[in-house]
Amino acid sequence: MNNIIKYGSISAIPLYNCSAHSPEEWSQKDGVQRPIVGIIEMTYGIVVNLLYIPMISVMMEKEQFKMSCFKIMTFLTIFLH
């Protein structure tokens, strides 16, 4: 709130209006590379996606797929993932 009063408007606050630089310039100026965190997140995402394969195969078995709850879970697994 103090910055709004000091600068007169929200768009006049430095670093709030991002149109001063291109995205590449902002990355070079304020960006921080974290390759270890990126590798960990990517590995986690791959593992979670691979775990979906046996879950979908169990849900689509003929005996379970007769129940409507398994149909709904299969739909959500395929289309919302």
PDB file of N, CA and C in Angstrom:
ATOM      1  N   MET A   1       0.822  -1.180   0.000  1.00  0.00           N
ATOM      2  CA  MET A   1       0.000   0.000   0.000  1.00  0.00           C
ATOM      3  C   MET A   1       0.870   1.248   0.000  1.00  0.00           C
ATOM      4  N   ASN A   2       1.977   1.189   0.717  1.00  0.00           N
ATOM      5  CA  ASN A   2       2.866   2.347   0.750  1.00  0.00           C
ATOM      6  C   ASN A   2       3.456   2.634  -0.627  1.00  0.00           C
ATOM      7  N   ASN A   3       3.752   1.568  -1.379  1.00  0.00           N
ATOM      8  CA  ASN A   3       4.303   1.767  -2.722  1.00  0.00           C
ATOM      9  C   ASN A   3       3.283   2.397  -3.667  1.00  0.00           C
ATOM     10  N   ILE A   4       2.016   2.061  -3.498  1.00  0.00           N
ATOM     11  CA  ILE A   4       0.987   2.673  -4.336  1.00  0.00           C
ATOM     12  C   ILE A   4       0.924   4.172  -4.075  1.00  0.00           C
ATOM     13  N   ILE A   5       0.983   4.548  -2.827  1.00  0.00           N
ATOM     14  CA  ILE A   5       0.968   5.974  -2.476  1.00  0.00           C
ATOM     15  C   ILE A   5       2.251   6.647  -2.957  1.00  0.00           C
ATOM     16  N   LYS A   6       3.383   5.978  -2.784  1.00  0.00           N
ATOM     17  CA  LYS A   6       4.675   6.560  -3.158  1.00  0.00           C
ATOM     18  C   LYS A   6       4.791   6.781  -4.664  1.00  0.00           C
ATOM     19  N   TYR A   7       4.361   5.791  -5.470  1.00  0.00           N
ATOM     20  CA  TYR A   7       4.527   5.877  -6.927  1.00  0.00           C
ATOM     21  C   TYR A   7       3.275   6.388  -7.651  1.00  0.00           C
ATOM     22  N   GLY A   8       2.155   6.482  -6.963  1.00  0.00           N
ATOM     23  CA  GLY A   8       0.957   7.047  -7.560  1.00  0.00           C
ATOM     24  C   GLY A   8       0.005   6.039  -8.160  1.00  0.00           C
ATOM     25  N   SER A   9       0.478   4.882  -8.595  1.00  0.00           N
ATOM     26  CA  SER A   9      -0.389   3.830  -9.136  1.00  0.00           C
ATOM     27  C   SER A   9       0.357   2.496  -9.084  1.00  0.00           C
ATOM     28  N   ILE A  10      -0.406   1.445  -9.283  1.00  0.00           N
ATOM     29  CA  ILE A  10       0.203   0.110  -9.239  1.00  0.00           C
ATOM     30  C   ILE A  10       1.143  -0.092 -10.420  1.00  0.00           C
ATOM     31  N   SER A  11       0.736   0.367 -11.596  1.00  0.00           N
ATOM     32  CA  SER A  11       1.561   0.146 -12.784  1.00  0.00           C
ATOM     33  C   SER A  11       2.852   0.957 -12.767  1.00  0.00           C
ATOM     34  N   ALA A  12       2.954   1.965 -11.924  1.00  0.00           N
ATOM     35  CA  ALA A  12       4.169   2.777 -11.856  1.00  0.00           C
ATOM     36  C   ALA A  12       5.212   2.196 -10.896  1.00  0.00           C
ATOM     37  N   ILE A  13       4.853   1.167 -10.151  1.00  0.00           N
ATOM     38  CA  ILE A  13       5.793   0.563  -9.208  1.00  0.00           C
ATOM     39  C   ILE A  13       6.866  -0.173  -9.997  1.00  0.00           C
ATOM     40  N   PRO A  14       8.150   0.090  -9.715  1.00  0.00           N
ATOM     41  CA  PRO A  14       9.219  -0.634 -10.431  1.00  0.00           C
ATOM     42  C   PRO A  14       9.112  -2.144 -10.180  1.00  0.00           C
ATOM     43  N   LEU A  15       9.434  -2.926 -11.180  1.00  0.00           N
ATOM     44  CA  LEU A  15       9.390  -4.391 -11.188  1.00  0.00           C
ATOM     45  C   LEU A  15       7.973  -4.951 -11.163  1.00  0.00           C
ATOM     46  N   TYR A  16       6.941  -4.105 -11.104  1.00  0.00           N
ATOM     47  CA  TYR A  16       5.572  -4.611 -11.198  1.00  0.00           C
ATOM     48  C   TYR A  16       5.120  -4.651 -12.645  1.00  0.00           C
ATOM     49  N   ASN A  17       5.447  -3.615 -13.381  1.00  0.00           N
ATOM     50  CA  ASN A  17       5.102  -3.558 -14.797  1.00  0.00           C
ATOM     51  C   ASN A  17       6.205  -4.256 -15.578  1.00  0.00           C
ATOM     52  N   CYS A  18       5.915  -5.405 -16.118  1.00  0.00           N
ATOM     53  CA  CYS A  18       6.925  -6.245 -16.769  1.00  0.00           C
ATOM     54  C   CYS A  18       7.208  -5.841 -18.211  1.00  0.00           C
ATOM     55  N   SER A  19       6.533  -4.817 -18.719  1.00  0.00           N
ATOM     56  CA  SER A  19       6.725  -4.445 -20.114  1.00  0.00           C
ATOM     57  C   SER A  19       8.022  -3.675 -20.345  1.00  0.00           C
ATOM     58  N   ALA A  20       8.769  -3.394 -19.303  1.00  0.00           N
ATOM     59  CA  ALA A  20      10.025  -2.663 -19.452  1.00  0.00           C
ATOM     60  C   ALA A  20      11.079  -3.502 -20.168  1.00  0.00           C
ATOM     61  N   HIS A  21      11.005  -4.823 -20.029  1.00  0.00           N
ATOM     62  CA  HIS A  21      11.994  -5.718 -20.635  1.00  0.00           C
ATOM     63  C   HIS A  21      11.275  -6.896 -21.285  1.00  0.00           C
ATOM     64  N   SER A  22      11.962  -7.557 -22.191  1.00  0.00           N
ATOM     65  CA  SER A  22      11.430  -8.782 -22.786  1.00  0.00           C
ATOM     66  C   SER A  22      11.631  -9.932 -21.792  1.00  0.00           C
ATOM     67  N   PRO A  23      10.942 -11.066 -21.980  1.00  0.00           N
ATOM     68  CA  PRO A  23      11.137 -12.194 -21.062  1.00  0.00           C
ATOM     69  C   PRO A  23      12.592 -12.673 -20.993  1.00  0.00           C
ATOM     70  N   GLU A  24      13.297 -12.618 -22.123  1.00  0.00           N
ATOM     71  CA  GLU A  24      14.703 -13.039 -22.122  1.00  0.00           C
ATOM     72  C   GLU A  24      15.552 -12.097 -21.272  1.00  0.00           C
ATOM     73  N   GLU A  25      15.274 -10.796 -21.371  1.00  0.00           N
ATOM     74  CA  GLU A  25      16.030  -9.822 -20.573  1.00  0.00           C
ATOM     75  C   GLU A  25      15.746 -10.003 -19.084  1.00  0.00           C
ATOM     76  N   TRP A  26      14.482 -10.282 -18.727  1.00  0.00           N
ATOM     77  CA  TRP A  26      14.173 -10.529 -17.320  1.00  0.00           C
ATOM     78  C   TRP A  26      14.893 -11.778 -16.823  1.00  0.00           C
ATOM     79  N   SER A  27      14.968 -12.812 -17.647  1.00  0.00           N
ATOM     80  CA  SER A  27      15.666 -14.033 -17.242  1.00  0.00           C
ATOM     81  C   SER A  27      17.145 -13.786 -17.027  1.00  0.00           C
ATOM     82  N   GLN A  28      17.746 -12.997 -17.913  1.00  0.00           N
ATOM     83  CA  GLN A  28      19.171 -12.697 -17.761  1.00  0.00           C
ATOM     84  C   GLN A  28      19.417 -11.798 -16.557  1.00  0.00           C
ATOM     85  N   LYS A  29      18.500 -10.886 -16.306  1.00  0.00           N
ATOM     86  CA  LYS A  29      18.686  -9.925 -15.221  1.00  0.00           C
ATOM     87  C   LYS A  29      18.425 -10.540 -13.846  1.00  0.00           C
ATOM     88  N   ASP A  30      17.280 -11.209 -13.695  1.00  0.00           N
ATOM     89  CA  ASP A  30      16.870 -11.696 -12.381  1.00  0.00           C
ATOM     90  C   ASP A  30      16.753 -13.217 -12.297  1.00  0.00           C
ATOM     91  N   GLY A  31      16.997 -13.928 -13.390  1.00  0.00           N
ATOM     92  CA  GLY A  31      16.803 -15.373 -13.410  1.00  0.00           C
ATOM     93  C   GLY A  31      17.886 -16.118 -12.654  1.00  0.00           C
ATOM     94  N   VAL A  32      17.479 -17.206 -12.035  1.00  0.00           N
ATOM     95  CA  VAL A  32      18.405 -18.079 -11.311  1.00  0.00           C
ATOM     96  C   VAL A  32      18.223 -19.489 -11.851  1.00  0.00           C
ATOM     97  N   GLN A  33      19.291 -20.095 -12.307  1.00  0.00           N
ATOM     98  CA  GLN A  33      19.214 -21.464 -12.813  1.00  0.00           C
ATOM     99  C   GLN A  33      19.369 -22.433 -11.659  1.00  0.00           C
ATOM    100  N   ARG A  34      18.493 -23.420 -11.638  1.00  0.00           N
ATOM    101  CA  ARG A  34      18.537 -24.458 -10.605  1.00  0.00           C
ATOM    102  C   ARG A  34      18.431 -25.819 -11.289  1.00  0.00           C
ATOM    103  N   PRO A  35      19.529 -26.302 -11.881  1.00  0.00           N
ATOM    104  CA  PRO A  35      19.458 -27.556 -12.635  1.00  0.00           C
ATOM    105  C   PRO A  35      19.157 -28.771 -11.764  1.00  0.00           C
ATOM    106  N   ILE A  36      19.619 -28.797 -10.535  1.00  0.00           N
ATOM    107  CA  ILE A  36      19.371 -29.955  -9.662  1.00  0.00           C
ATOM    108  C   ILE A  36      17.884 -30.048  -9.343  1.00  0.00           C
ATOM    109  N   VAL A  37      17.257 -28.922  -9.013  1.00  0.00           N
ATOM    110  CA  VAL A  37      15.823 -28.914  -8.730  1.00  0.00           C
ATOM    111  C   VAL A  37      15.041 -29.312  -9.981  1.00  0.00           C
ATOM    112  N   GLY A  38      15.471 -28.849 -11.138  1.00  0.00           N
ATOM    113  CA  GLY A  38      14.808 -29.208 -12.387  1.00  0.00           C
ATOM    114  C   GLY A  38      14.890 -30.697 -12.674  1.00  0.00           C
ATOM    115  N   ILE A  39      16.049 -31.282 -12.447  1.00  0.00           N
ATOM    116  CA  ILE A  39      16.214 -32.725 -12.667  1.00  0.00           C
ATOM    117  C   ILE A  39      15.352 -33.520 -11.699  1.00  0.00           C
ATOM    118  N   ILE A  40      15.301 -33.080 -10.440  1.00  0.00           N
ATOM    119  CA  ILE A  40      14.475 -33.782  -9.443  1.00  0.00           C
ATOM    120  C   ILE A  40      12.999 -33.709  -9.828  1.00  0.00           C
ATOM    121  N   GLU A  41      12.522 -32.541 -10.224  1.00  0.00           N
ATOM    122  CA  GLU A  41      11.117 -32.395 -10.604  1.00  0.00           C
ATOM    123  C   GLU A  41      10.787 -33.199 -11.861  1.00  0.00           C
ATOM    124  N   MET A  42      11.702 -33.206 -12.818  1.00  0.00           N
ATOM    125  CA  MET A  42      11.478 -33.969 -14.038  1.00  0.00           C
ATOM    126  C   MET A  42      11.433 -35.469 -13.730  1.00  0.00           C
ATOM    127  N   THR A  43      12.330 -35.956 -12.892  1.00  0.00           N
ATOM    128  CA  THR A  43      12.347 -37.367 -12.512  1.00  0.00           C
ATOM    129  C   THR A  43      11.060 -37.742 -11.786  1.00  0.00           C
ATOM    130  N   TYR A  44      10.615 -36.896 -10.880  1.00  0.00           N
ATOM    131  CA  TYR A  44       9.373 -37.144 -10.156  1.00  0.00           C
ATOM    132  C   TYR A  44       8.189 -37.221 -11.124  1.00  0.00           C
ATOM    133  N   GLY A  45       8.129 -36.307 -12.063  1.00  0.00           N
ATOM    134  CA  GLY A  45       7.040 -36.303 -13.043  1.00  0.00           C
ATOM    135  C   GLY A  45       7.027 -37.552 -13.897  1.00  0.00           C
ATOM    136  N   ILE A  46       8.199 -37.997 -14.325  1.00  0.00           N
ATOM    137  CA  ILE A  46       8.284 -39.214 -15.140  1.00  0.00           C
ATOM    138  C   ILE A  46       7.839 -40.428 -14.338  1.00  0.00           C
ATOM    139  N   VAL A  47       8.266 -40.527 -13.086  1.00  0.00           N
ATOM    140  CA  VAL A  47       7.884 -41.669 -12.241  1.00  0.00           C
ATOM    141  C   VAL A  47       6.380 -41.690 -12.022  1.00  0.00           C
ATOM    142  N   VAL A  48       5.793 -40.533 -11.725  1.00  0.00           N
ATOM    143  CA  VAL A  48       4.345 -40.478 -11.493  1.00  0.00           C
ATOM    144  C   VAL A  48       3.591 -40.861 -12.757  1.00  0.00           C
ATOM    145  N   ASN A  49       4.047 -40.384 -13.907  1.00  0.00           N
ATOM    146  CA  ASN A  49       3.381 -40.743 -15.165  1.00  0.00           C
ATOM    147  C   ASN A  49       3.504 -42.229 -15.459  1.00  0.00           C
ATOM    148  N   LEU A  50       4.642 -42.823 -15.158  1.00  0.00           N
ATOM    149  CA  LEU A  50       4.801 -44.261 -15.383  1.00  0.00           C
ATOM    150  C   LEU A  50       3.941 -45.084 -14.439  1.00  0.00           C
ATOM    151  N   LEU A  51       3.675 -44.567 -13.242  1.00  0.00           N
ATOM    152  CA  LEU A  51       2.813 -45.289 -12.301  1.00  0.00           C
ATOM    153  C   LEU A  51       1.362 -45.304 -12.745  1.00  0.00           C
ATOM    154  N   TYR A  52       0.985 -44.398 -13.625  1.00  0.00           N
ATOM    155  CA  TYR A  52      -0.383 -44.391 -14.128  1.00  0.00           C
ATOM    156  C   TYR A  52      -0.677 -45.598 -15.022  1.00  0.00           C
ATOM    157  N   ILE A  53       0.330 -46.137 -15.684  1.00  0.00           N
ATOM    158  CA  ILE A  53       0.109 -47.242 -16.626  1.00  0.00           C
ATOM    159  C   ILE A  53      -0.471 -48.475 -15.929  1.00  0.00           C
ATOM    160  N   PRO A  54       0.117 -48.987 -14.836  1.00  0.00           N
ATOM    161  CA  PRO A  54      -0.515 -50.152 -14.194  1.00  0.00           C
ATOM    162  C   PRO A  54      -1.861 -49.814 -13.557  1.00  0.00           C
ATOM    163  N   MET A  55      -2.028 -48.579 -13.100  1.00  0.00           N
ATOM    164  CA  MET A  55      -3.310 -48.198 -12.507  1.00  0.00           C
ATOM    165  C   MET A  55      -4.421 -48.228 -13.550  1.00  0.00           C
ATOM    166  N   ILE A  56      -4.142 -47.710 -14.729  1.00  0.00           N
ATOM    167  CA  ILE A  56      -5.144 -47.714 -15.794  1.00  0.00           C
ATOM    168  C   ILE A  56      -5.458 -49.140 -16.228  1.00  0.00           C
ATOM    169  N   SER A  57      -4.424 -49.987 -16.322  1.00  0.00           N
ATOM    170  CA  SER A  57      -4.667 -51.366 -16.760  1.00  0.00           C
ATOM    171  C   SER A  57      -5.541 -52.118 -15.763  1.00  0.00           C
ATOM    172  N   VAL A  58      -5.381 -51.872 -14.469  1.00  0.00           N
ATOM    173  CA  VAL A  58      -6.219 -52.528 -13.467  1.00  0.00           C
ATOM    174  C   VAL A  58      -7.651 -51.995 -13.544  1.00  0.00           C
ATOM    175  N   MET A  59      -7.791 -50.680 -13.728  1.00  0.00           N
ATOM    176  CA  MET A  59      -9.128 -50.096 -13.779  1.00  0.00           C
ATOM    177  C   MET A  59      -9.901 -50.528 -15.019  1.00  0.00           C
ATOM    178  N   MET A  60      -9.209 -50.877 -16.087  1.00  0.00           N
ATOM    179  CA  MET A  60      -9.895 -51.240 -17.325  1.00  0.00           C
ATOM    180  C   MET A  60     -10.134 -52.742 -17.458  1.00  0.00           C
ATOM    181  N   GLU A  61      -9.807 -53.524 -16.426  1.00  0.00           N
ATOM    182  CA  GLU A  61     -10.123 -54.954 -16.461  1.00  0.00           C
ATOM    183  C   GLU A  61     -11.631 -55.125 -16.530  1.00  0.00           C
ATOM    184  N   LYS A  62     -12.053 -56.185 -17.161  1.00  0.00           N
ATOM    185  CA  LYS A  62     -13.474 -56.385 -17.454  1.00  0.00           C
ATOM    186  C   LYS A  62     -14.339 -56.416 -16.191  1.00  0.00           C
ATOM    187  N   GLU A  63     -13.849 -57.072 -15.149  1.00  0.00           N
ATOM    188  CA  GLU A  63     -14.631 -57.199 -13.917  1.00  0.00           C
ATOM    189  C   GLU A  63     -14.847 -55.844 -13.241  1.00  0.00           C
ATOM    190  N   GLN A  64     -13.794 -55.048 -13.158  1.00  0.00           N
ATOM    191  CA  GLN A  64     -13.910 -53.752 -12.500  1.00  0.00           C
ATOM    192  C   GLN A  64     -14.638 -52.732 -13.375  1.00  0.00           C
ATOM    193  N   PHE A  65     -14.447 -52.818 -14.677  1.00  0.00           N
ATOM    194  CA  PHE A  65     -15.000 -51.810 -15.572  1.00  0.00           C
ATOM    195  C   PHE A  65     -16.527 -51.878 -15.662  1.00  0.00           C
ATOM    196  N   LYS A  66     -17.108 -52.933 -15.128  1.00  0.00           N
ATOM    197  CA  LYS A  66     -18.568 -53.027 -15.090  1.00  0.00           C
ATOM    198  C   LYS A  66     -19.151 -52.016 -14.109  1.00  0.00           C
ATOM    199  N   MET A  67     -18.394 -51.692 -13.068  1.00  0.00           N
ATOM    200  CA  MET A  67     -18.882 -50.746 -12.061  1.00  0.00           C
ATOM    201  C   MET A  67     -18.678 -49.317 -12.554  1.00  0.00           C
ATOM    202  N   SER A  68     -19.663 -48.491 -12.283  1.00  0.00           N
ATOM    203  CA  SER A  68     -19.611 -47.120 -12.784  1.00  0.00           C
ATOM    204  C   SER A  68     -18.483 -46.309 -12.148  1.00  0.00           C
ATOM    205  N   CYS A  69     -18.126 -46.618 -10.904  1.00  0.00           N
ATOM    206  CA  CYS A  69     -17.055 -45.845 -10.262  1.00  0.00           C
ATOM    207  C   CYS A  69     -15.724 -46.053 -10.998  1.00  0.00           C
ATOM    208  N   PHE A  70     -15.483 -47.256 -11.509  1.00  0.00           N
ATOM    209  CA  PHE A  70     -14.250 -47.499 -12.256  1.00  0.00           C
ATOM    210  C   PHE A  70     -14.286 -46.811 -13.608  1.00  0.00           C
ATOM    211  N   LYS A  71     -15.469 -46.710 -14.209  1.00  0.00           N
ATOM    212  CA  LYS A  71     -15.593 -45.971 -15.465  1.00  0.00           C
ATOM    213  C   LYS A  71     -15.268 -44.499 -15.252  1.00  0.00           C
ATOM    214  N   ILE A  72     -15.769 -43.943 -14.163  1.00  0.00           N
ATOM    215  CA  ILE A  72     -15.491 -42.537 -13.864  1.00  0.00           C
ATOM    216  C   ILE A  72     -14.009 -42.334 -13.571  1.00  0.00           C
ATOM    217  N   MET A  73     -13.411 -43.213 -12.775  1.00  0.00           N
ATOM    218  CA  MET A  73     -11.986 -43.082 -12.464  1.00  0.00           C
ATOM    219  C   MET A  73     -11.130 -43.226 -13.707  1.00  0.00           C
ATOM    220  N   THR A  74     -11.484 -44.129 -14.606  1.00  0.00           N
ATOM    221  CA  THR A  74     -10.730 -44.304 -15.842  1.00  0.00           C
ATOM    222  C   THR A  74     -10.844 -43.046 -16.694  1.00  0.00           C
ATOM    223  N   PHE A  75     -12.044 -42.505 -16.813  1.00  0.00           N
ATOM    224  CA  PHE A  75     -12.233 -41.269 -17.552  1.00  0.00           C
ATOM    225  C   PHE A  75     -11.375 -40.142 -16.986  1.00  0.00           C
ATOM    226  N   LEU A  76     -11.410 -39.968 -15.674  1.00  0.00           N
ATOM    227  CA  LEU A  76     -10.618 -38.901 -15.044  1.00  0.00           C
ATOM    228  C   LEU A  76      -9.121 -39.119 -15.211  1.00  0.00           C
ATOM    229  N   THR A  77      -8.700 -40.378 -15.133  1.00  0.00           N
ATOM    230  CA  THR A  77      -7.279 -40.689 -15.287  1.00  0.00           C
ATOM    231  C   THR A  77      -6.791 -40.358 -16.683  1.00  0.00           C
ATOM    232  N   ILE A  78      -7.564 -40.713 -17.687  1.00  0.00           N
ATOM    233  CA  ILE A  78      -7.129 -40.517 -19.073  1.00  0.00           C
ATOM    234  C   ILE A  78      -7.236 -39.069 -19.502  1.00  0.00           C
ATOM    235  N   PHE A  79      -8.364 -38.435 -19.227  1.00  0.00           N
ATOM    236  CA  PHE A  79      -8.603 -37.109 -19.786  1.00  0.00           C
ATOM    237  C   PHE A  79      -8.105 -35.953 -18.928  1.00  0.00           C
ATOM    238  N   LEU A  80      -7.969 -36.148 -17.645  1.00  0.00           N
ATOM    239  CA  LEU A  80      -7.497 -35.057 -16.798  1.00  0.00           C
ATOM    240  C   LEU A  80      -6.018 -35.155 -16.448  1.00  0.00           C
ATOM    241  N   HIS A  81      -5.406 -36.203 -16.873  1.00  0.00           N
ATOM    242  CA  HIS A  81      -3.976 -36.342 -16.592  1.00  0.00           C
ATOM    243  C   HIS A  81      -3.257 -35.708 -17.719  1.00  0.00           C
TER     244      HIS A  81
END
